[in-house]
């Protein structure tokens, strides 16, 4: 193989790796919390509070990972709601 062809292939592979590594696929926060896309903030907060109250006191590592994902989803959706309220 010619050196320039090999160098261009390596460059493309590295470029694709960097692109997909630093640009993860979008996350559907509504699906993580288990609410519909058109849910109001009150419904989202109600689901989150029910989730928080249902957590046992002794949490395993797996439960904490799941709860952390749901907590991050709630924070993101709350931030979106607050931005919408400010723009009204």
Foldseek 3Di string as FASTA:
>chain_A
DDPVVVVVVVVVVVVVCVVCVVDPDDDDLCVLLVHDPPDDLVVSVVSLVVVVVPDDPDDDPVRVVSNVSNVVSNVVVVVVVVVVVVVD
